[in-house]
């Protein structure tokens, strides 16, 4: 029997093959068969982001037309316009779209449909693992654990399907759940009800569920979560934070060495947030941590939390 591994992506994802490089790396580190599926919702509601940017451009054009005397200073009147539009398109837009109840529900529905297809294609498998990046970690939370959704939400179909399997592990990459916990008043003790209501029997001496939270050192969206939830979760959940201790790019390293830490933070943050999926040392370390989680090598996970190089 092989394991099933299901990905949920986050913001700024425009290609359904976003996880291919990471999946290839994970495959090389597994000594057991595995089937992977990269769920994709990044094509939904792009028109909303484009409309917002279009409105901004229209308003700015009106101001410029009205004040032609400032033609040489247009870029200074509304500063960083290109970068602002990139933030809306790549990050803020997706996050705000998901917060809309109807659109969030539509995103969850698309993911549930893809999970159903994945399970239908591998109906003889019993074990599943979930990997979520960025905003995908909140989507994952809603799909499995949220107690604030309406009774007709697709998340309940997702849970029904999971209840027929052994959910063995969760891995979050670049997750902002620490702040979302505060913003949305998320209580992680609801995970305890998952164990209580689960039909699965616990294997003697093993944890029912492993959750590994991976943080790139330069990723400003990713934060450790253990201290914020350890008083809420039961011993049935093995949770640990893992740090990928790398520079996001060469420019970040150069600026840090020059003592320009603020500039380094700016030039490194975006690359760091996507680095988990890259064909570089960041991706190598990420894939090894994930492989340990998939294989249940808990001792490997607990003996080291910071990873400056591939683990042997």
C-alpha atoms as a PDB file:
ATOM      1  CA  UNK A   1       0.000   0.000   0.000  1.00  0.00           C
ATOM      2  CA  UNK A   2       1.271   3.486  -0.836  1.00  0.00           C
ATOM      3  CA  UNK A   3       0.557   6.759   0.933  1.00  0.00           C
ATOM      4  CA  UNK A   4      -1.489   9.609  -0.502  1.00  0.00           C
ATOM      5  CA  UNK A   5      -0.103  13.149  -0.295  1.00  0.00           C
ATOM      6  CA  UNK A   6      -2.409  16.097  -1.034  1.00  0.00           C
ATOM      7  CA  UNK A   7      -1.148  19.675  -1.485  1.00  0.00           C
ATOM      8  CA  UNK A   8      -3.105  22.895  -0.869  1.00  0.00           C
ATOM      9  CA  UNK A   9      -1.382  26.024  -2.164  1.00  0.00           C
ATOM     10  CA  UNK A  10      -1.620  29.595  -0.911  1.00  0.00           C
ATOM     11  CA  UNK A  11      -1.341  33.074  -2.397  1.00  0.00           C
ATOM     12  CA  UNK A  12       0.329  34.015  -5.668  1.00  0.00           C
ATOM     13  CA  UNK A  13       0.015  30.595  -7.298  1.00  0.00           C
ATOM     14  CA  UNK A  14      -0.784  30.685 -11.013  1.00  0.00           C
ATOM     15  CA  UNK A  15       0.326  27.263 -12.187  1.00  0.00           C
ATOM     16  CA  UNK A  16      -1.194  23.932 -11.212  1.00  0.00           C
ATOM     17  CA  UNK A  17       2.273  22.349 -11.367  1.00  0.00           C
ATOM     18  CA  UNK A  18       3.572  24.553  -8.537  1.00  0.00           C
ATOM     19  CA  UNK A  19       4.678  21.588  -6.388  1.00  0.00           C
ATOM     20  CA  UNK A  20       6.327  19.438  -9.078  1.00  0.00           C
ATOM     21  CA  UNK A  21       9.931  20.219  -8.099  1.00  0.00           C
ATOM     22  CA  UNK A  22       9.270  19.637  -4.402  1.00  0.00           C
ATOM     23  CA  UNK A  23       7.368  16.416  -5.115  1.00  0.00           C
ATOM     24  CA  UNK A  24      10.306  15.095  -7.152  1.00  0.00           C
ATOM     25  CA  UNK A  25      12.654  15.868  -4.269  1.00  0.00           C
ATOM     26  CA  UNK A  26      10.366  14.180  -1.729  1.00  0.00           C
ATOM     27  CA  UNK A  27      10.067  11.096  -3.943  1.00  0.00           C
ATOM     28  CA  UNK A  28      13.849  10.667  -3.904  1.00  0.00           C
ATOM     29  CA  UNK A  29      13.896  10.645  -0.099  1.00  0.00           C
ATOM     30  CA  UNK A  30      11.052   8.173   0.417  1.00  0.00           C
ATOM     31  CA  UNK A  31      11.688   4.460   0.599  1.00  0.00           C
ATOM     32  CA  UNK A  32       7.995   3.729   0.144  1.00  0.00           C
ATOM     33  CA  UNK A  33       5.555   4.315  -2.739  1.00  0.00           C
ATOM     34  CA  UNK A  34       3.553   7.543  -2.671  1.00  0.00           C
ATOM     35  CA  UNK A  35       0.913   9.214  -4.826  1.00  0.00           C
ATOM     36  CA  UNK A  36       0.862  13.025  -4.932  1.00  0.00           C
ATOM     37  CA  UNK A  37      -1.838  15.499  -5.929  1.00  0.00           C
ATOM     38  CA  UNK A  38      -1.457  19.281  -6.151  1.00  0.00           C
ATOM     39  CA  UNK A  39      -4.872  20.834  -5.673  1.00  0.00           C
ATOM     40  CA  UNK A  40      -5.316  24.145  -7.486  1.00  0.00           C
ATOM     41  CA  UNK A  41      -7.663  27.077  -6.904  1.00  0.00           C
ATOM     42  CA  UNK A  42      -5.393  29.924  -8.066  1.00  0.00           C
ATOM     43  CA  UNK A  43      -7.429  30.506 -11.234  1.00  0.00           C
ATOM     44  CA  UNK A  44     -10.561  31.427  -9.271  1.00  0.00           C
ATOM     45  CA  UNK A  45     -11.551  35.089  -8.854  1.00  0.00           C
ATOM     46  CA  UNK A  46      -8.559  36.517 -10.720  1.00  0.00           C
ATOM     47  CA  UNK A  47     -11.024  38.968 -12.224  1.00  0.00           C
ATOM     48  CA  UNK A  48     -11.551  40.515  -8.777  1.00  0.00           C
ATOM     49  CA  UNK A  49      -7.866  41.297  -8.384  1.00  0.00           C
ATOM     50  CA  UNK A  50      -7.675  42.664 -11.927  1.00  0.00           C
ATOM     51  CA  UNK A  51     -10.731  44.861 -11.295  1.00  0.00           C
ATOM     52  CA  UNK A  52      -9.141  46.323  -8.172  1.00  0.00           C
ATOM     53  CA  UNK A  53      -5.898  47.126  -9.963  1.00  0.00           C
ATOM     54  CA  UNK A  54      -7.857  48.536 -12.895  1.00  0.00           C
ATOM     55  CA  UNK A  55      -9.756  50.900 -10.597  1.00  0.00           C
ATOM     56  CA  UNK A  56      -6.526  52.085  -9.006  1.00  0.00           C
ATOM     57  CA  UNK A  57      -5.009  52.794 -12.414  1.00  0.00           C
ATOM     58  CA  UNK A  58      -8.128  54.670 -13.514  1.00  0.00           C
ATOM     59  CA  UNK A  59      -8.154  56.861 -10.406  1.00  0.00           C
ATOM     60  CA  UNK A  60      -4.448  57.623 -10.742  1.00  0.00           C
ATOM     61  CA  UNK A  61      -4.876  58.533 -14.419  1.00  0.00           C
ATOM     62  CA  UNK A  62      -7.639  60.957 -13.460  1.00  0.00           C
ATOM     63  CA  UNK A  63      -5.416  62.678 -10.932  1.00  0.00           C
ATOM     64  CA  UNK A  64      -2.611  62.982 -13.480  1.00  0.00           C
ATOM     65  CA  UNK A  65      -4.987  64.399 -16.077  1.00  0.00           C
ATOM     66  CA  UNK A  66      -6.293  66.943 -13.606  1.00  0.00           C
ATOM     67  CA  UNK A  67      -2.810  68.063 -12.529  1.00  0.00           C
ATOM     68  CA  UNK A  68      -0.683  68.194 -15.654  1.00  0.00           C
ATOM     69  CA  UNK A  69       1.556  70.727 -13.949  1.00  0.00           C
ATOM     70  CA  UNK A  70       2.993  67.839 -11.891  1.00  0.00           C
ATOM     71  CA  UNK A  71       3.799  65.652 -14.888  1.00  0.00           C
ATOM     72  CA  UNK A  72       7.432  65.269 -13.891  1.00  0.00           C
ATOM     73  CA  UNK A  73       6.400  64.174 -10.379  1.00  0.00           C
ATOM     74  CA  UNK A  74       3.596  61.695 -11.101  1.00  0.00           C
ATOM     75  CA  UNK A  75       5.610  58.764  -9.738  1.00  0.00           C
ATOM     76  CA  UNK A  76       6.121  60.668  -6.498  1.00  0.00           C
ATOM     77  CA  UNK A  77       2.441  61.586  -6.007  1.00  0.00           C
ATOM     78  CA  UNK A  78       1.399  57.933  -5.708  1.00  0.00           C
ATOM     79  CA  UNK A  79       4.605  56.167  -4.780  1.00  0.00           C
ATOM     80  CA  UNK A  80       5.547  52.537  -5.486  1.00  0.00           C
ATOM     81  CA  UNK A  81       2.553  52.021  -7.787  1.00  0.00           C
ATOM     82  CA  UNK A  82       4.023  48.997  -9.538  1.00  0.00           C
ATOM     83  CA  UNK A  83       4.957  47.371  -6.254  1.00  0.00           C
ATOM     84  CA  UNK A  84       1.524  48.125  -4.746  1.00  0.00           C
ATOM     85  CA  UNK A  85      -0.163  46.429  -7.702  1.00  0.00           C
ATOM     86  CA  UNK A  86       2.133  43.426  -7.282  1.00  0.00           C
ATOM     87  CA  UNK A  87       1.189  43.164  -3.601  1.00  0.00           C
ATOM     88  CA  UNK A  88      -2.501  43.176  -4.518  1.00  0.00           C
ATOM     89  CA  UNK A  89      -2.028  40.643  -7.301  1.00  0.00           C
ATOM     90  CA  UNK A  90       0.403  38.348  -5.509  1.00  0.00           C
ATOM     91  CA  UNK A  91      -0.565  38.472  -1.847  1.00  0.00           C
ATOM     92  CA  UNK A  92      -3.266  40.732  -0.463  1.00  0.00           C
ATOM     93  CA  UNK A  93      -5.808  40.021  -3.197  1.00  0.00           C
ATOM     94  CA  UNK A  94      -5.901  36.263  -2.609  1.00  0.00           C
ATOM     95  CA  UNK A  95      -6.054  36.671   1.152  1.00  0.00           C
ATOM     96  CA  UNK A  96      -8.991  39.102   1.036  1.00  0.00           C
ATOM     97  CA  UNK A  97     -10.796  37.033  -1.589  1.00  0.00           C
ATOM     98  CA  UNK A  98     -10.693  34.000   0.708  1.00  0.00           C
ATOM     99  CA  UNK A  99     -12.115  36.048   3.601  1.00  0.00           C
ATOM    100  CA  UNK A 100     -15.297  36.651   1.599  1.00  0.00           C
ATOM    101  CA  UNK A 101     -17.634  33.862   2.829  1.00  0.00           C
ATOM    102  CA  UNK A 102     -19.055  32.946  -0.574  1.00  0.00           C
ATOM    103  CA  UNK A 103     -15.717  33.019  -2.364  1.00  0.00           C
ATOM    104  CA  UNK A 104     -13.999  31.113   0.423  1.00  0.00           C
ATOM    105  CA  UNK A 105     -16.727  28.499   0.171  1.00  0.00           C
ATOM    106  CA  UNK A 106     -16.207  28.249  -3.592  1.00  0.00           C
ATOM    107  CA  UNK A 107     -12.463  27.729  -3.082  1.00  0.00           C
ATOM    108  CA  UNK A 108     -13.115  24.963  -0.541  1.00  0.00           C
ATOM    109  CA  UNK A 109     -15.618  23.379  -2.935  1.00  0.00           C
ATOM    110  CA  UNK A 110     -13.014  23.245  -5.709  1.00  0.00           C
ATOM    111  CA  UNK A 111     -10.487  21.616  -3.370  1.00  0.00           C
ATOM    112  CA  UNK A 112     -13.031  19.049  -2.150  1.00  0.00           C
ATOM    113  CA  UNK A 113     -13.856  18.102  -5.732  1.00  0.00           C
ATOM    114  CA  UNK A 114     -10.168  17.590  -6.461  1.00  0.00           C
ATOM    115  CA  UNK A 115      -9.691  15.506  -3.311  1.00  0.00           C
ATOM    116  CA  UNK A 116     -12.640  13.347  -4.385  1.00  0.00           C
ATOM    117  CA  UNK A 117     -11.041  12.723  -7.770  1.00  0.00           C
ATOM    118  CA  UNK A 118      -7.712  11.903  -6.129  1.00  0.00           C
ATOM    119  CA  UNK A 119      -9.322   9.398  -3.783  1.00  0.00           C
ATOM    120  CA  UNK A 120     -11.363   7.841  -6.592  1.00  0.00           C
ATOM    121  CA  UNK A 121      -8.159   7.312  -8.548  1.00  0.00           C
ATOM    122  CA  UNK A 122      -6.574   5.563  -5.546  1.00  0.00           C
ATOM    123  CA  UNK A 123      -9.531   3.921  -3.852  1.00  0.00           C
ATOM    124  CA  UNK A 124      -7.449   1.093  -2.393  1.00  0.00           C
ATOM    125  CA  UNK A 125      -5.218   3.391  -0.296  1.00  0.00           C
ATOM    126  CA  UNK A 126      -5.719   3.912   3.434  1.00  0.00           C
ATOM    127  CA  UNK A 127      -3.242   6.625   4.514  1.00  0.00           C
ATOM    128  CA  UNK A 128      -3.269  10.301   3.577  1.00  0.00           C
ATOM    129  CA  UNK A 129      -0.975  13.250   4.344  1.00  0.00           C
ATOM    130  CA  UNK A 130      -1.809  16.935   3.838  1.00  0.00           C
ATOM    131  CA  UNK A 131       0.685  19.670   2.921  1.00  0.00           C
ATOM    132  CA  UNK A 132      -0.383  23.326   2.867  1.00  0.00           C
ATOM    133  CA  UNK A 133       1.510  26.482   1.949  1.00  0.00           C
ATOM    134  CA  UNK A 134       0.845  30.056   3.094  1.00  0.00           C
ATOM    135  CA  UNK A 135      -2.891  30.890   3.006  1.00  0.00           C
ATOM    136  CA  UNK A 136      -3.393  27.205   2.227  1.00  0.00           C
ATOM    137  CA  UNK A 137      -2.749  26.489   5.909  1.00  0.00           C
ATOM    138  CA  UNK A 138      -5.859  28.507   6.821  1.00  0.00           C
ATOM    139  CA  UNK A 139      -7.827  26.763   4.073  1.00  0.00           C
ATOM    140  CA  UNK A 140      -6.642  23.427   5.471  1.00  0.00           C
ATOM    141  CA  UNK A 141      -7.707  24.488   8.967  1.00  0.00           C
ATOM    142  CA  UNK A 142     -11.166  25.392   7.723  1.00  0.00           C
ATOM    143  CA  UNK A 143     -11.510  22.155   5.776  1.00  0.00           C
ATOM    144  CA  UNK A 144     -10.619  19.901   8.711  1.00  0.00           C
ATOM    145  CA  UNK A 145     -11.144  21.703  11.996  1.00  0.00           C
ATOM    146  CA  UNK A 146     -13.111  24.967  11.779  1.00  0.00           C
ATOM    147  CA  UNK A 147     -16.249  25.067  13.934  1.00  0.00           C
ATOM    148  CA  UNK A 148     -17.558  28.349  12.460  1.00  0.00           C
ATOM    149  CA  UNK A 149     -18.682  27.144   9.022  1.00  0.00           C
ATOM    150  CA  UNK A 150     -22.286  26.687   7.932  1.00  0.00           C
ATOM    151  CA  UNK A 151     -23.758  23.198   7.828  1.00  0.00           C
ATOM    152  CA  UNK A 152     -23.803  23.216   4.019  1.00  0.00           C
ATOM    153  CA  UNK A 153     -20.113  24.031   3.677  1.00  0.00           C
ATOM    154  CA  UNK A 154     -18.042  21.708   1.434  1.00  0.00           C
ATOM    155  CA  UNK A 155     -15.622  21.294   4.343  1.00  0.00           C
ATOM    156  CA  UNK A 156     -17.956  18.706   5.865  1.00  0.00           C
ATOM    157  CA  UNK A 157     -17.676  16.570   2.731  1.00  0.00           C
ATOM    158  CA  UNK A 158     -13.910  16.889   3.017  1.00  0.00           C
ATOM    159  CA  UNK A 159     -14.084  15.655   6.622  1.00  0.00           C
ATOM    160  CA  UNK A 160     -16.334  12.742   5.716  1.00  0.00           C
ATOM    161  CA  UNK A 161     -13.810  11.565   3.156  1.00  0.00           C
ATOM    162  CA  UNK A 162     -10.894  11.968   5.559  1.00  0.00           C
ATOM    163  CA  UNK A 163     -12.748   9.980   8.202  1.00  0.00           C
ATOM    164  CA  UNK A 164     -12.599   6.954   5.911  1.00  0.00           C
ATOM    165  CA  UNK A 165      -8.811   7.195   5.833  1.00  0.00           C
ATOM    166  CA  UNK A 166      -5.920   7.465   8.249  1.00  0.00           C
ATOM    167  CA  UNK A 167      -4.852  11.106   8.320  1.00  0.00           C
ATOM    168  CA  UNK A 168      -1.249  10.482   9.334  1.00  0.00           C
ATOM    169  CA  UNK A 169       0.404  13.879   9.011  1.00  0.00           C
ATOM    170  CA  UNK A 170       0.028  17.580   8.268  1.00  0.00           C
ATOM    171  CA  UNK A 171       2.853  19.794   7.033  1.00  0.00           C
ATOM    172  CA  UNK A 172       2.475  23.572   6.813  1.00  0.00           C
ATOM    173  CA  UNK A 173       4.937  25.717   4.859  1.00  0.00           C
ATOM    174  CA  UNK A 174       5.252  29.486   5.207  1.00  0.00           C
ATOM    175  CA  UNK A 175       2.184  29.576   7.423  1.00  0.00           C
ATOM    176  CA  UNK A 176       0.701  32.752   8.984  1.00  0.00           C
ATOM    177  CA  UNK A 177      -1.532  30.721  11.329  1.00  0.00           C
ATOM    178  CA  UNK A 178      -0.004  32.386  14.396  1.00  0.00           C
ATOM    179  CA  UNK A 179      -1.524  35.741  13.419  1.00  0.00           C
ATOM    180  CA  UNK A 180      -4.651  34.266  11.911  1.00  0.00           C
ATOM    181  CA  UNK A 181      -5.241  32.544  15.248  1.00  0.00           C
ATOM    182  CA  UNK A 182      -5.348  35.960  16.907  1.00  0.00           C
ATOM    183  CA  UNK A 183      -7.291  37.694  14.146  1.00  0.00           C
ATOM    184  CA  UNK A 184      -9.938  34.978  13.801  1.00  0.00           C
ATOM    185  CA  UNK A 185      -9.844  33.808  17.436  1.00  0.00           C
ATOM    186  CA  UNK A 186      -8.928  30.249  16.399  1.00  0.00           C
ATOM    187  CA  UNK A 187      -8.951  27.788  19.284  1.00  0.00           C
ATOM    188  CA  UNK A 188      -6.708  24.817  18.538  1.00  0.00           C
ATOM    189  CA  UNK A 189      -8.432  22.723  21.184  1.00  0.00           C
ATOM    190  CA  UNK A 190     -11.015  21.830  18.513  1.00  0.00           C
ATOM    191  CA  UNK A 191      -8.361  19.454  17.180  1.00  0.00           C
ATOM    192  CA  UNK A 192      -8.952  17.362  20.303  1.00  0.00           C
ATOM    193  CA  UNK A 193     -12.540  16.767  19.173  1.00  0.00           C
ATOM    194  CA  UNK A 194     -11.166  15.451  15.897  1.00  0.00           C
ATOM    195  CA  UNK A 195      -9.392  12.685  17.790  1.00  0.00           C
ATOM    196  CA  UNK A 196     -12.403  12.067  20.023  1.00  0.00           C
ATOM    197  CA  UNK A 197     -14.809  11.721  17.097  1.00  0.00           C
ATOM    198  CA  UNK A 198     -12.476   9.838  14.778  1.00  0.00           C
ATOM    199  CA  UNK A 199     -13.352   6.287  13.843  1.00  0.00           C
ATOM    200  CA  UNK A 200      -9.698   5.375  13.450  1.00  0.00           C
ATOM    201  CA  UNK A 201      -8.000   3.305  16.111  1.00  0.00           C
ATOM    202  CA  UNK A 202      -4.673   4.500  17.501  1.00  0.00           C
ATOM    203  CA  UNK A 203      -1.729   2.241  16.862  1.00  0.00           C
ATOM    204  CA  UNK A 204      -0.078   1.351  20.152  1.00  0.00           C
ATOM    205  CA  UNK A 205       2.904   3.543  20.956  1.00  0.00           C
ATOM    206  CA  UNK A 206       2.410   5.935  18.013  1.00  0.00           C
ATOM    207  CA  UNK A 207       0.937   9.423  17.763  1.00  0.00           C
ATOM    208  CA  UNK A 208      -2.337   9.620  15.897  1.00  0.00           C
ATOM    209  CA  UNK A 209      -1.332  12.737  13.995  1.00  0.00           C
ATOM    210  CA  UNK A 210       1.918  14.579  13.293  1.00  0.00           C
ATOM    211  CA  UNK A 211       1.957  18.281  12.386  1.00  0.00           C
ATOM    212  CA  UNK A 212       5.201  19.914  11.241  1.00  0.00           C
ATOM    213  CA  UNK A 213       5.319  23.674  10.656  1.00  0.00           C
ATOM    214  CA  UNK A 214       8.219  24.690   8.375  1.00  0.00           C
ATOM    215  CA  UNK A 215       9.569  28.251   8.502  1.00  0.00           C
ATOM    216  CA  UNK A 216      12.155  29.753   6.159  1.00  0.00           C
ATOM    217  CA  UNK A 217      14.413  32.136   8.092  1.00  0.00           C
ATOM    218  CA  UNK A 218      13.632  35.084   5.769  1.00  0.00           C
ATOM    219  CA  UNK A 219       9.911  34.412   5.221  1.00  0.00           C
ATOM    220  CA  UNK A 220       7.992  37.303   6.811  1.00  0.00           C
ATOM    221  CA  UNK A 221       4.678  35.457   6.447  1.00  0.00           C
ATOM    222  CA  UNK A 222       5.847  32.334   8.307  1.00  0.00           C
ATOM    223  CA  UNK A 223       6.009  32.165  12.115  1.00  0.00           C
ATOM    224  CA  UNK A 224       6.442  29.474  14.782  1.00  0.00           C
ATOM    225  CA  UNK A 225       3.233  28.253  16.369  1.00  0.00           C
ATOM    226  CA  UNK A 226       4.129  25.782  19.125  1.00  0.00           C
ATOM    227  CA  UNK A 227       4.020  28.108  22.169  1.00  0.00           C
ATOM    228  CA  UNK A 228       0.727  29.660  21.035  1.00  0.00           C
ATOM    229  CA  UNK A 229      -1.111  26.326  20.864  1.00  0.00           C
ATOM    230  CA  UNK A 230       0.660  23.903  23.212  1.00  0.00           C
ATOM    231  CA  UNK A 231      -1.791  24.548  26.070  1.00  0.00           C
ATOM    232  CA  UNK A 232      -4.730  23.878  23.745  1.00  0.00           C
ATOM    233  CA  UNK A 233      -3.715  20.675  21.966  1.00  0.00           C
ATOM    234  CA  UNK A 234      -3.754  17.187  23.449  1.00  0.00           C
ATOM    235  CA  UNK A 235      -0.886  14.724  23.534  1.00  0.00           C
ATOM    236  CA  UNK A 236      -2.523  12.920  20.608  1.00  0.00           C
ATOM    237  CA  UNK A 237      -1.028  15.590  18.343  1.00  0.00           C
ATOM    238  CA  UNK A 238       2.729  15.716  17.843  1.00  0.00           C
ATOM    239  CA  UNK A 239       3.488  19.304  16.805  1.00  0.00           C
ATOM    240  CA  UNK A 240       6.868  20.881  16.063  1.00  0.00           C
ATOM    241  CA  UNK A 241       8.250  23.942  14.280  1.00  0.00           C
ATOM    242  CA  UNK A 242      11.174  23.443  11.881  1.00  0.00           C
ATOM    243  CA  UNK A 243      13.437  26.220  10.550  1.00  0.00           C
ATOM    244  CA  UNK A 244      15.028  26.303   7.097  1.00  0.00           C
ATOM    245  CA  UNK A 245      18.052  28.439   7.969  1.00  0.00           C
ATOM    246  CA  UNK A 246      18.975  29.911   4.593  1.00  0.00           C
ATOM    247  CA  UNK A 247      19.214  33.215   2.726  1.00  0.00           C
ATOM    248  CA  UNK A 248      16.411  33.754   0.244  1.00  0.00           C
ATOM    249  CA  UNK A 249      18.768  35.028  -2.470  1.00  0.00           C
ATOM    250  CA  UNK A 250      22.278  36.348  -2.990  1.00  0.00           C
ATOM    251  CA  UNK A 251      21.264  39.980  -2.687  1.00  0.00           C
ATOM    252  CA  UNK A 252      19.782  39.397   0.765  1.00  0.00           C
ATOM    253  CA  UNK A 253      23.041  37.800   1.924  1.00  0.00           C
ATOM    254  CA  UNK A 254      25.089  40.654   0.472  1.00  0.00           C
ATOM    255  CA  UNK A 255      22.975  43.320   2.152  1.00  0.00           C
ATOM    256  CA  UNK A 256      23.100  41.546   5.524  1.00  0.00           C
ATOM    257  CA  UNK A 257      26.895  41.348   5.277  1.00  0.00           C
ATOM    258  CA  UNK A 258      26.893  45.097   4.549  1.00  0.00           C
ATOM    259  CA  UNK A 259      24.806  45.753   7.664  1.00  0.00           C
ATOM    260  CA  UNK A 260      21.737  46.749   5.611  1.00  0.00           C
ATOM    261  CA  UNK A 261      19.287  44.449   7.394  1.00  0.00           C
ATOM    262  CA  UNK A 262      16.161  46.458   6.542  1.00  0.00           C
ATOM    263  CA  UNK A 263      16.924  46.372   2.810  1.00  0.00           C
ATOM    264  CA  UNK A 264      17.880  42.716   3.100  1.00  0.00           C
ATOM    265  CA  UNK A 265      14.491  41.959   4.653  1.00  0.00           C
ATOM    266  CA  UNK A 266      12.694  43.612   1.731  1.00  0.00           C
ATOM    267  CA  UNK A 267      14.627  41.888  -1.062  1.00  0.00           C
ATOM    268  CA  UNK A 268      14.507  38.478   0.616  1.00  0.00           C
ATOM    269  CA  UNK A 269      10.943  38.200   1.841  1.00  0.00           C
ATOM    270  CA  UNK A 270       9.106  37.317  -1.365  1.00  0.00           C
ATOM    271  CA  UNK A 271      11.658  34.788  -2.599  1.00  0.00           C
ATOM    272  CA  UNK A 272      11.750  33.213   0.858  1.00  0.00           C
ATOM    273  CA  UNK A 273       7.989  32.683   0.885  1.00  0.00           C
ATOM    274  CA  UNK A 274       8.147  30.567  -2.265  1.00  0.00           C
ATOM    275  CA  UNK A 275      11.548  28.991  -1.590  1.00  0.00           C
ATOM    276  CA  UNK A 276      10.086  25.795  -0.136  1.00  0.00           C
ATOM    277  CA  UNK A 277       9.190  24.715  -3.677  1.00  0.00           C
ATOM    278  CA  UNK A 278      12.471  25.695  -5.333  1.00  0.00           C
ATOM    279  CA  UNK A 279      15.158  23.531  -6.909  1.00  0.00           C
ATOM    280  CA  UNK A 280      17.838  24.688  -4.492  1.00  0.00           C
ATOM    281  CA  UNK A 281      19.132  24.021  -0.986  1.00  0.00           C
ATOM    282  CA  UNK A 282      15.922  25.461   0.501  1.00  0.00           C
ATOM    283  CA  UNK A 283      13.876  22.897  -1.395  1.00  0.00           C
ATOM    284  CA  UNK A 284      16.298  20.120  -0.446  1.00  0.00           C
ATOM    285  CA  UNK A 285      15.940  20.860   3.259  1.00  0.00           C
ATOM    286  CA  UNK A 286      12.170  21.293   2.991  1.00  0.00           C
ATOM    287  CA  UNK A 287      11.743  17.983   1.180  1.00  0.00           C
ATOM    288  CA  UNK A 288      13.825  16.134   3.770  1.00  0.00           C
ATOM    289  CA  UNK A 289      11.752  17.504   6.657  1.00  0.00           C
ATOM    290  CA  UNK A 290       8.552  16.579   4.815  1.00  0.00           C
ATOM    291  CA  UNK A 291       9.869  13.083   4.108  1.00  0.00           C
ATOM    292  CA  UNK A 292      10.576  12.548   7.802  1.00  0.00           C
ATOM    293  CA  UNK A 293       7.017  13.630   8.583  1.00  0.00           C
ATOM    294  CA  UNK A 294       5.495  11.394   5.916  1.00  0.00           C
ATOM    295  CA  UNK A 295       7.490   8.402   7.122  1.00  0.00           C
ATOM    296  CA  UNK A 296       6.740   9.037  10.792  1.00  0.00           C
ATOM    297  CA  UNK A 297      10.402   9.477  11.739  1.00  0.00           C
ATOM    298  CA  UNK A 298       9.492  11.536  14.786  1.00  0.00           C
ATOM    299  CA  UNK A 299      12.876  11.152  16.464  1.00  0.00           C
ATOM    300  CA  UNK A 300      14.537  12.777  13.452  1.00  0.00           C
ATOM    301  CA  UNK A 301      12.060  15.653  13.689  1.00  0.00           C
ATOM    302  CA  UNK A 302      12.502  16.157  17.421  1.00  0.00           C
ATOM    303  CA  UNK A 303      16.283  15.964  17.581  1.00  0.00           C
ATOM    304  CA  UNK A 304      16.841  18.995  15.327  1.00  0.00           C
ATOM    305  CA  UNK A 305      14.665  22.068  14.719  1.00  0.00           C
ATOM    306  CA  UNK A 306      17.133  24.218  12.735  1.00  0.00           C
ATOM    307  CA  UNK A 307      18.475  22.957   9.405  1.00  0.00           C
ATOM    308  CA  UNK A 308      21.348  24.862   7.797  1.00  0.00           C
ATOM    309  CA  UNK A 309      22.135  22.021   5.379  1.00  0.00           C
ATOM    310  CA  UNK A 310      20.574  18.756   4.113  1.00  0.00           C
ATOM    311  CA  UNK A 311      20.254  16.244   6.928  1.00  0.00           C
ATOM    312  CA  UNK A 312      22.059  12.928   6.805  1.00  0.00           C
END
